[in-house]
C-alpha atoms as a PDB file:
ATOM      1  CA  GLY A   1     -78.356   6.327   9.626  1.00  0.00           C
ATOM      2  CA  ARG A   2     -75.525   7.222  11.955  1.00  0.00           C
ATOM      3  CA  LEU A   3     -75.551  10.902  11.003  1.00  0.00           C
ATOM      4  CA  ALA A   4     -79.314  11.042  11.530  1.00  0.00           C
ATOM      5  CA  GLU A   5     -78.897   9.478  14.967  1.00  0.00           C
ATOM      6  CA  ARG A   6     -76.331  12.106  15.931  1.00  0.00           C
ATOM      7  CA  VAL A   7     -78.498  14.935  14.617  1.00  0.00           C
ATOM      8  CA  ARG A   8     -81.445  13.632  16.625  1.00  0.00           C
ATOM      9  CA  GLN A   9     -79.308  13.697  19.797  1.00  0.00           C
ATOM     10  CA  VAL A  10     -78.882  17.486  19.584  1.00  0.00           C
ATOM     11  CA  PRO A  11     -82.163  19.072  20.760  1.00  0.00           C
ATOM     12  CA  ALA A  12     -81.995  22.103  18.436  1.00  0.00           C
ATOM     13  CA  LEU A  13     -81.147  19.970  15.413  1.00  0.00           C
ATOM     14  CA  ASP A  14     -83.798  17.421  16.342  1.00  0.00           C
ATOM     15  CA  ALA A  15     -86.410  20.179  16.530  1.00  0.00           C
ATOM     16  CA  ALA A  16     -85.364  21.497  13.109  1.00  0.00           C
ATOM     17  CA  PHE A  17     -85.412  17.962  11.691  1.00  0.00           C
ATOM     18  CA  ARG A  18     -88.895  17.306  13.049  1.00  0.00           C
ATOM     19  CA  ALA A  19     -90.166  20.675  11.796  1.00  0.00           C
ATOM     20  CA  GLU A  20     -88.875  20.005   8.279  1.00  0.00           C
ATOM     21  CA  LEU A  21     -90.270  16.488   8.291  1.00  0.00           C
ATOM     22  CA  ALA A  22     -93.638  17.880   9.383  1.00  0.00           C
ATOM     23  CA  ARG A  23     -93.507  20.485   6.603  1.00  0.00           C
ATOM     24  CA  VAL A  24     -92.807  17.836   3.986  1.00  0.00           C
ATOM     25  CA  ALA A  25     -95.526  15.543   5.342  1.00  0.00           C
ATOM     26  CA  ARG A  26     -98.042  18.372   5.489  1.00  0.00           C
ATOM     27  CA  ASP A  27     -97.228  20.385   2.369  1.00  0.00           C
ATOM     28  CA  ALA A  28     -95.237  18.270  -0.063  1.00  0.00           C
ATOM     29  CA  TRP A  29     -96.488  14.705   0.462  1.00  0.00           C
ATOM     30  CA  ASP A  30     -99.637  15.150  -1.610  1.00  0.00           C
ATOM     31  CA  VAL A  31    -101.139  11.673  -1.901  1.00  0.00           C
ATOM     32  CA  GLY A  32    -103.385  12.647  -4.801  1.00  0.00           C
ATOM     33  CA  VAL A  33    -100.530  14.108  -6.843  1.00  0.00           C
ATOM     34  CA  LEU A  34     -98.190  11.203  -6.123  1.00  0.00           C
ATOM     35  CA  ARG A  35    -100.834   8.611  -6.963  1.00  0.00           C
ATOM     36  CA  ALA A  36    -101.669  10.511 -10.176  1.00  0.00           C
ATOM     37  CA  ARG A  37     -98.014  10.270 -11.208  1.00  0.00           C
ATOM     38  CA  ILE A  38     -98.042   6.541 -10.552  1.00  0.00           C
ATOM     39  CA  ASP A  39    -101.241   6.252 -12.589  1.00  0.00           C
ATOM     40  CA  ALA A  40     -99.576   8.187 -15.429  1.00  0.00           C
ATOM     41  CA  VAL A  41     -96.741   5.644 -15.478  1.00  0.00           C
ATOM     42  CA  ASP A  42     -99.341   2.865 -15.530  1.00  0.00           C
ATOM     43  CA  THR A  43    -101.052   4.505 -18.511  1.00  0.00           C
ATOM     44  CA  ILE A  44     -97.764   4.819 -20.409  1.00  0.00           C
ATOM     45  CA  LEU A  45     -96.946   1.168 -19.766  1.00  0.00           C
ATOM     46  CA  HIS A  46    -100.291   0.118 -21.215  1.00  0.00           C
ATOM     47  CA  ALA A  47    -100.186   2.500 -24.206  1.00  0.00           C
ATOM     48  CA  ALA A  48     -98.997  -0.219 -26.561  1.00  0.00           C
ATOM     49  CA  PRO A  49     -99.101  -4.004 -26.436  1.00  0.00           C
ATOM     50  CA  LEU A  50     -95.910  -5.642 -25.241  1.00  0.00           C
ATOM     51  CA  PRO A  51     -94.923  -8.870 -26.968  1.00  0.00           C
ATOM     52  CA  GLY A  52     -93.387 -11.932 -25.384  1.00  0.00           C
ATOM     53  CA  ALA A  53     -91.229 -11.620 -22.301  1.00  0.00           C
ATOM     54  CA  ALA A  54     -91.855  -7.877 -22.016  1.00  0.00           C
ATOM     55  CA  GLY A  55     -95.579  -8.527 -21.743  1.00  0.00           C
ATOM     56  CA  ALA A  56     -95.011 -11.160 -19.100  1.00  0.00           C
ATOM     57  CA  GLU A  57     -92.876  -8.758 -17.079  1.00  0.00           C
ATOM     58  CA  LEU A  58     -95.684  -6.217 -17.081  1.00  0.00           C
ATOM     59  CA  ALA A  59     -97.566  -8.162 -14.391  1.00  0.00           C
ATOM     60  CA  GLY A  60     -94.616  -7.755 -12.037  1.00  0.00           C
ATOM     61  CA  ILE A  61     -94.404  -4.073 -12.831  1.00  0.00           C
ATOM     62  CA  GLU A  62     -98.136  -3.687 -12.162  1.00  0.00           C
ATOM     63  CA  ARG A  63     -97.669  -5.266  -8.731  1.00  0.00           C
ATOM     64  CA  GLY A  64     -94.893  -2.767  -8.100  1.00  0.00           C
ATOM     65  CA  LEU A  65     -97.180   0.097  -9.071  1.00  0.00           C
ATOM     66  CA  ASP A  66     -99.857  -1.205  -6.699  1.00  0.00           C
ATOM     67  CA  GLU A  67     -97.256  -1.401  -3.940  1.00  0.00           C
ATOM     68  CA  ALA A  68     -96.159   2.166  -4.704  1.00  0.00           C
ATOM     69  CA  ARG A  69     -99.751   3.410  -4.484  1.00  0.00           C
ATOM     70  CA  ASP A  70    -100.194   1.658  -1.136  1.00  0.00           C
ATOM     71  CA  PHE A  71     -96.869   3.010   0.152  1.00  0.00           C
ATOM     72  CA  VAL A  72     -97.730   6.606  -0.760  1.00  0.00           C
ATOM     73  CA  THR A  73    -101.009   6.410   1.142  1.00  0.00           C
ATOM     74  CA  ALA A  74     -99.643   4.484   4.115  1.00  0.00           C
ATOM     75  CA  ARG A  75     -96.580   6.724   4.505  1.00  0.00           C
ATOM     76  CA  LYS A  76     -98.745   9.849   4.679  1.00  0.00           C
ATOM     77  CA  ALA A  77    -100.861   8.238   7.398  1.00  0.00           C
ATOM     78  CA  TYR A  78     -97.729   7.111   9.263  1.00  0.00           C
ATOM     79  CA  LEU A  79     -96.108  10.542   9.140  1.00  0.00           C
ATOM     80  CA  THR A  80     -99.306  12.299  10.118  1.00  0.00           C
ATOM     81  CA  THR A  81     -99.761  10.027  13.120  1.00  0.00           C
ATOM     82  CA  ARG A  82     -96.093   9.991  14.106  1.00  0.00           C
ATOM     83  CA  LEU A  83     -95.745  13.765  13.912  1.00  0.00           C
ATOM     84  CA  GLY A  84     -99.156  14.529  15.394  1.00  0.00           C
ATOM     85  CA  LEU A  85    -100.325  16.498  12.359  1.00  0.00           C
END
């Protein structure tokens, strides 16, 4: 946090930071690919029945996967808006 604040205070470094963040948001943050990876984890988790406590924990894991899917989509929208992409 503190290092990032100091970097952002130097105009040239801030411009480089913003440019790299924009590149990642535009080129690397592929919502479809990221969601497909989350779905692959979901498929693996459901490949075999889980007995007892492990099965009960699966519901919590599924909520986490849903949250991850939502985060991936929302973060792309946030970055796109924030960076004016």
